[in-house]
Amino acid sequence: MRQNPKNVRYDDLISVLLDYDFEVREGKGSHVFVQCQIGDNVWLETITRPHGNKKTVNQQGVKRLLKMLDEIIDVLAEIEAEEDIEDNGN
């Protein structure tokens, strides 16, 4: 996905987002809202479901979601590091 954001199938993208506990809500028409919340941090993005003969998601939408996933991974790593410090301190 990261190597070729131009050819990402909608189902594959949604599967990855669900792995990171995103909520996926159908909007009007072909719009889909994806949201992830970790603590006080909330990430929200609108993607357009491919329609017509297209099977892949817009490249710019994939890039935005990849950037968002990187931020989420960083937050999760920080939380895990804090938990390790708390576990080792007790």
N, C-alpha and C. Protein backbone atom coordinates (compact mmCIF):
# COMPACT_ATOMS: atom_id res chain seq x y z
N MET A 1 0.83 -1.18 0.00
CA MET A 1 0.00 0.00 0.00
C MET A 1 0.88 1.25 0.00
N ARG A 2 1.90 1.23 0.83
CA ARG A 2 2.79 2.38 0.92
C ARG A 2 3.64 2.51 -0.35
N GLN A 3 4.02 1.38 -0.90
CA GLN A 3 4.87 1.40 -2.10
C GLN A 3 4.10 1.79 -3.36
N ASN A 4 2.81 1.49 -3.38
CA ASN A 4 2.01 1.81 -4.57
C ASN A 4 0.62 2.29 -4.15
N PRO A 5 0.52 3.52 -3.64
CA PRO A 5 -0.77 4.02 -3.16
C PRO A 5 -1.78 4.24 -4.28
N LYS A 6 -1.34 4.12 -5.52
CA LYS A 6 -2.23 4.34 -6.65
C LYS A 6 -3.16 3.15 -6.90
N ASN A 7 -2.74 1.96 -6.48
CA ASN A 7 -3.51 0.75 -6.77
C ASN A 7 -3.99 0.04 -5.51
N VAL A 8 -4.61 0.78 -4.61
CA VAL A 8 -5.11 0.20 -3.36
C VAL A 8 -6.61 -0.04 -3.51
N ARG A 9 -6.99 -1.29 -3.35
CA ARG A 9 -8.41 -1.64 -3.45
C ARG A 9 -9.13 -1.18 -2.19
N TYR A 10 -10.36 -0.77 -2.36
CA TYR A 10 -11.18 -0.27 -1.26
C TYR A 10 -11.28 -1.29 -0.12
N ASP A 11 -11.57 -2.55 -0.45
CA ASP A 11 -11.72 -3.58 0.59
C ASP A 11 -10.42 -3.78 1.37
N ASP A 12 -9.28 -3.70 0.69
CA ASP A 12 -7.99 -3.85 1.37
C ASP A 12 -7.75 -2.69 2.33
N LEU A 13 -8.08 -1.48 1.89
CA LEU A 13 -7.89 -0.31 2.74
C LEU A 13 -8.78 -0.39 3.99
N ILE A 14 -10.03 -0.74 3.80
CA ILE A 14 -10.95 -0.86 4.94
C ILE A 14 -10.47 -1.94 5.91
N SER A 15 -9.97 -3.03 5.39
CA SER A 15 -9.45 -4.11 6.23
C SER A 15 -8.31 -3.62 7.13
N VAL A 16 -7.39 -2.85 6.56
CA VAL A 16 -6.27 -2.31 7.33
C VAL A 16 -6.79 -1.35 8.40
N LEU A 17 -7.73 -0.49 8.02
CA LEU A 17 -8.27 0.46 8.98
C LEU A 17 -8.98 -0.25 10.13
N LEU A 18 -9.71 -1.29 9.84
CA LEU A 18 -10.38 -2.05 10.90
C LEU A 18 -9.37 -2.72 11.82
N ASP A 19 -8.23 -3.12 11.28
CA ASP A 19 -7.16 -3.70 12.11
C ASP A 19 -6.66 -2.70 13.16
N TYR A 20 -6.76 -1.42 12.84
CA TYR A 20 -6.35 -0.36 13.77
C TYR A 20 -7.54 0.22 14.52
N ASP A 21 -8.62 -0.52 14.60
CA ASP A 21 -9.82 -0.16 15.37
C ASP A 21 -10.51 1.11 14.89
N PHE A 22 -10.46 1.36 13.60
CA PHE A 22 -11.21 2.48 13.04
C PHE A 22 -12.69 2.12 13.00
N GLU A 23 -13.52 3.12 13.20
CA GLU A 23 -14.96 2.98 12.93
C GLU A 23 -15.15 3.38 11.48
N VAL A 24 -15.96 2.64 10.77
CA VAL A 24 -16.25 2.95 9.38
C VAL A 24 -17.75 3.20 9.26
N ARG A 25 -18.11 4.41 8.82
CA ARG A 25 -19.52 4.76 8.68
C ARG A 25 -19.79 5.19 7.24
N GLU A 26 -20.87 4.70 6.71
CA GLU A 26 -21.29 5.09 5.36
C GLU A 26 -21.89 6.48 5.41
N GLY A 27 -21.49 7.31 4.48
CA GLY A 27 -22.06 8.64 4.36
C GLY A 27 -23.03 8.66 3.19
N LYS A 28 -23.26 9.84 2.66
CA LYS A 28 -24.14 9.97 1.51
C LYS A 28 -23.38 9.60 0.24
N GLY A 29 -24.07 8.93 -0.64
CA GLY A 29 -23.45 8.56 -1.92
C GLY A 29 -22.27 7.65 -1.71
N SER A 30 -21.14 8.02 -2.29
CA SER A 30 -19.95 7.16 -2.23
C SER A 30 -19.00 7.57 -1.10
N HIS A 31 -19.41 8.50 -0.24
CA HIS A 31 -18.54 8.94 0.84
C HIS A 31 -18.60 7.98 2.03
N VAL A 32 -17.44 7.72 2.58
CA VAL A 32 -17.30 6.85 3.74
C VAL A 32 -16.47 7.60 4.77
N PHE A 33 -16.93 7.63 6.01
CA PHE A 33 -16.23 8.30 7.09
C PHE A 33 -15.50 7.26 7.92
N VAL A 34 -14.22 7.50 8.16
CA VAL A 34 -13.44 6.59 9.01
C VAL A 34 -12.93 7.40 10.20
N GLN A 35 -12.99 6.81 11.37
CA GLN A 35 -12.60 7.50 12.59
C GLN A 35 -11.90 6.54 13.53
N CYS A 36 -10.86 7.05 14.18
CA CYS A 36 -10.16 6.27 15.19
C CYS A 36 -9.96 7.17 16.41
N GLN A 37 -10.21 6.63 17.59
CA GLN A 37 -10.01 7.39 18.81
C GLN A 37 -9.17 6.57 19.77
N ILE A 38 -8.11 7.22 20.26
CA ILE A 38 -7.24 6.61 21.27
C ILE A 38 -7.07 7.67 22.35
N GLY A 39 -7.67 7.41 23.50
CA GLY A 39 -7.63 8.41 24.56
C GLY A 39 -8.32 9.67 24.10
N ASP A 40 -7.62 10.80 24.22
CA ASP A 40 -8.17 12.08 23.79
C ASP A 40 -7.89 12.38 22.32
N ASN A 41 -7.12 11.53 21.68
CA ASN A 41 -6.77 11.73 20.27
C ASN A 41 -7.84 11.15 19.36
N VAL A 42 -8.28 11.95 18.39
CA VAL A 42 -9.28 11.50 17.44
C VAL A 42 -8.78 11.80 16.03
N TRP A 43 -8.86 10.81 15.17
CA TRP A 43 -8.51 10.97 13.76
C TRP A 43 -9.77 10.70 12.95
N LEU A 44 -10.07 11.60 12.02
CA LEU A 44 -11.26 11.47 11.21
C LEU A 44 -10.89 11.81 9.77
N GLU A 45 -11.37 11.00 8.85
CA GLU A 45 -11.10 11.24 7.43
C GLU A 45 -12.30 10.78 6.63
N THR A 46 -12.52 11.43 5.52
CA THR A 46 -13.55 11.03 4.58
C THR A 46 -12.86 10.45 3.35
N ILE A 47 -13.27 9.28 2.96
CA ILE A 47 -12.74 8.71 1.73
C ILE A 47 -13.91 8.47 0.77
N THR A 48 -13.59 8.38 -0.48
CA THR A 48 -14.60 8.14 -1.49
C THR A 48 -14.50 6.70 -1.96
N ARG A 49 -15.59 5.97 -1.80
CA ARG A 49 -15.64 4.59 -2.26
C ARG A 49 -15.60 4.61 -3.78
N PRO A 50 -14.76 3.78 -4.38
CA PRO A 50 -14.72 3.75 -5.84
C PRO A 50 -16.08 3.36 -6.41
N HIS A 51 -16.43 3.97 -7.52
CA HIS A 51 -17.69 3.63 -8.16
C HIS A 51 -17.49 3.63 -9.67
N GLY A 52 -18.47 3.13 -10.34
CA GLY A 52 -18.31 2.95 -11.78
C GLY A 52 -17.39 1.77 -12.05
N ASN A 53 -16.48 1.92 -12.97
CA ASN A 53 -15.54 0.83 -13.29
C ASN A 53 -14.30 0.83 -12.40
N LYS A 54 -14.15 1.84 -11.54
CA LYS A 54 -12.96 1.91 -10.69
C LYS A 54 -13.04 0.89 -9.56
N LYS A 55 -11.89 0.35 -9.20
CA LYS A 55 -11.83 -0.59 -8.09
C LYS A 55 -10.87 -0.11 -7.01
N THR A 56 -10.13 0.97 -7.30
CA THR A 56 -9.13 1.45 -6.35
C THR A 56 -9.54 2.79 -5.75
N VAL A 57 -9.00 3.06 -4.56
CA VAL A 57 -9.27 4.29 -3.84
C VAL A 57 -8.37 5.40 -4.40
N ASN A 58 -8.86 6.62 -4.34
CA ASN A 58 -8.09 7.78 -4.77
C ASN A 58 -6.72 7.79 -4.10
N GLN A 59 -5.68 8.02 -4.87
CA GLN A 59 -4.30 7.98 -4.37
C GLN A 59 -4.07 8.99 -3.25
N GLN A 60 -4.62 10.19 -3.36
CA GLN A 60 -4.43 11.20 -2.32
C GLN A 60 -5.09 10.77 -1.01
N GLY A 61 -6.25 10.12 -1.10
CA GLY A 61 -6.91 9.61 0.10
C GLY A 61 -6.07 8.54 0.78
N VAL A 62 -5.45 7.68 0.00
CA VAL A 62 -4.59 6.63 0.57
C VAL A 62 -3.40 7.28 1.27
N LYS A 63 -2.79 8.28 0.65
CA LYS A 63 -1.64 8.94 1.26
C LYS A 63 -2.02 9.62 2.57
N ARG A 64 -3.19 10.27 2.60
CA ARG A 64 -3.65 10.91 3.84
C ARG A 64 -3.86 9.86 4.94
N LEU A 65 -4.45 8.73 4.58
CA LEU A 65 -4.70 7.68 5.57
C LEU A 65 -3.41 7.04 6.04
N LEU A 66 -2.43 6.89 5.17
CA LEU A 66 -1.13 6.36 5.59
C LEU A 66 -0.45 7.29 6.59
N LYS A 67 -0.54 8.59 6.34
CA LYS A 67 0.02 9.56 7.27
C LYS A 67 -0.70 9.47 8.62
N MET A 68 -2.01 9.33 8.57
CA MET A 68 -2.80 9.19 9.78
C MET A 68 -2.41 7.91 10.54
N LEU A 69 -2.23 6.82 9.83
CA LEU A 69 -1.82 5.57 10.46
C LEU A 69 -0.45 5.70 11.12
N ASP A 70 0.46 6.43 10.49
CA ASP A 70 1.77 6.66 11.10
C ASP A 70 1.63 7.40 12.42
N GLU A 71 0.76 8.40 12.46
CA GLU A 71 0.52 9.14 13.71
C GLU A 71 -0.06 8.21 14.78
N ILE A 72 -0.99 7.35 14.40
CA ILE A 72 -1.61 6.43 15.34
C ILE A 72 -0.58 5.44 15.88
N ILE A 73 0.27 4.93 15.00
CA ILE A 73 1.32 4.01 15.43
C ILE A 73 2.25 4.68 16.43
N ASP A 74 2.59 5.96 16.19
CA ASP A 74 3.43 6.70 17.13
C ASP A 74 2.75 6.86 18.49
N VAL A 75 1.46 7.19 18.48
CA VAL A 75 0.71 7.34 19.74
C VAL A 75 0.65 6.01 20.49
N LEU A 76 0.39 4.93 19.77
CA LEU A 76 0.34 3.61 20.40
C LEU A 76 1.69 3.23 21.00
N ALA A 77 2.78 3.58 20.31
CA ALA A 77 4.13 3.29 20.82
C ALA A 77 4.40 4.09 22.09
N GLU A 78 3.96 5.35 22.12
CA GLU A 78 4.13 6.17 23.32
C GLU A 78 3.35 5.59 24.50
N ILE A 79 2.13 5.17 24.24
CA ILE A 79 1.31 4.58 25.30
C ILE A 79 1.96 3.31 25.83
N GLU A 80 2.46 2.49 24.93
CA GLU A 80 3.11 1.24 25.34
C GLU A 80 4.37 1.53 26.15
N ALA A 81 5.14 2.54 25.75
CA ALA A 81 6.35 2.90 26.49
C ALA A 81 6.00 3.40 27.89
N GLU A 82 4.94 4.20 28.00
CA GLU A 82 4.50 4.69 29.31
C GLU A 82 4.06 3.54 30.20
N GLU A 83 3.36 2.57 29.62
CA GLU A 83 2.91 1.42 30.39
C GLU A 83 4.09 0.59 30.86
N ASP A 84 5.11 0.45 30.01
CA ASP A 84 6.32 -0.30 30.40
C ASP A 84 7.03 0.38 31.55
N ILE A 85 7.08 1.73 31.51
CA ILE A 85 7.72 2.48 32.59
C ILE A 85 6.96 2.29 33.88
N GLU A 86 5.62 2.35 33.81
CA GLU A 86 4.79 2.16 35.00
C GLU A 86 4.95 0.75 35.54
N ASP A 87 5.00 -0.26 34.66
CA ASP A 87 5.15 -1.64 35.09
C ASP A 87 6.51 -1.87 35.75
N ASN A 88 7.54 -1.26 35.23
CA ASN A 88 8.88 -1.45 35.79
C ASN A 88 9.07 -0.63 37.06
N GLY A 89 8.29 0.42 37.23
CA GLY A 89 8.42 1.27 38.42
C GLY A 89 7.73 0.68 39.63
N ASN A 90 6.79 -0.24 39.44
CA ASN A 90 6.06 -0.81 40.57
C ASN A 90 6.63 -2.09 41.02
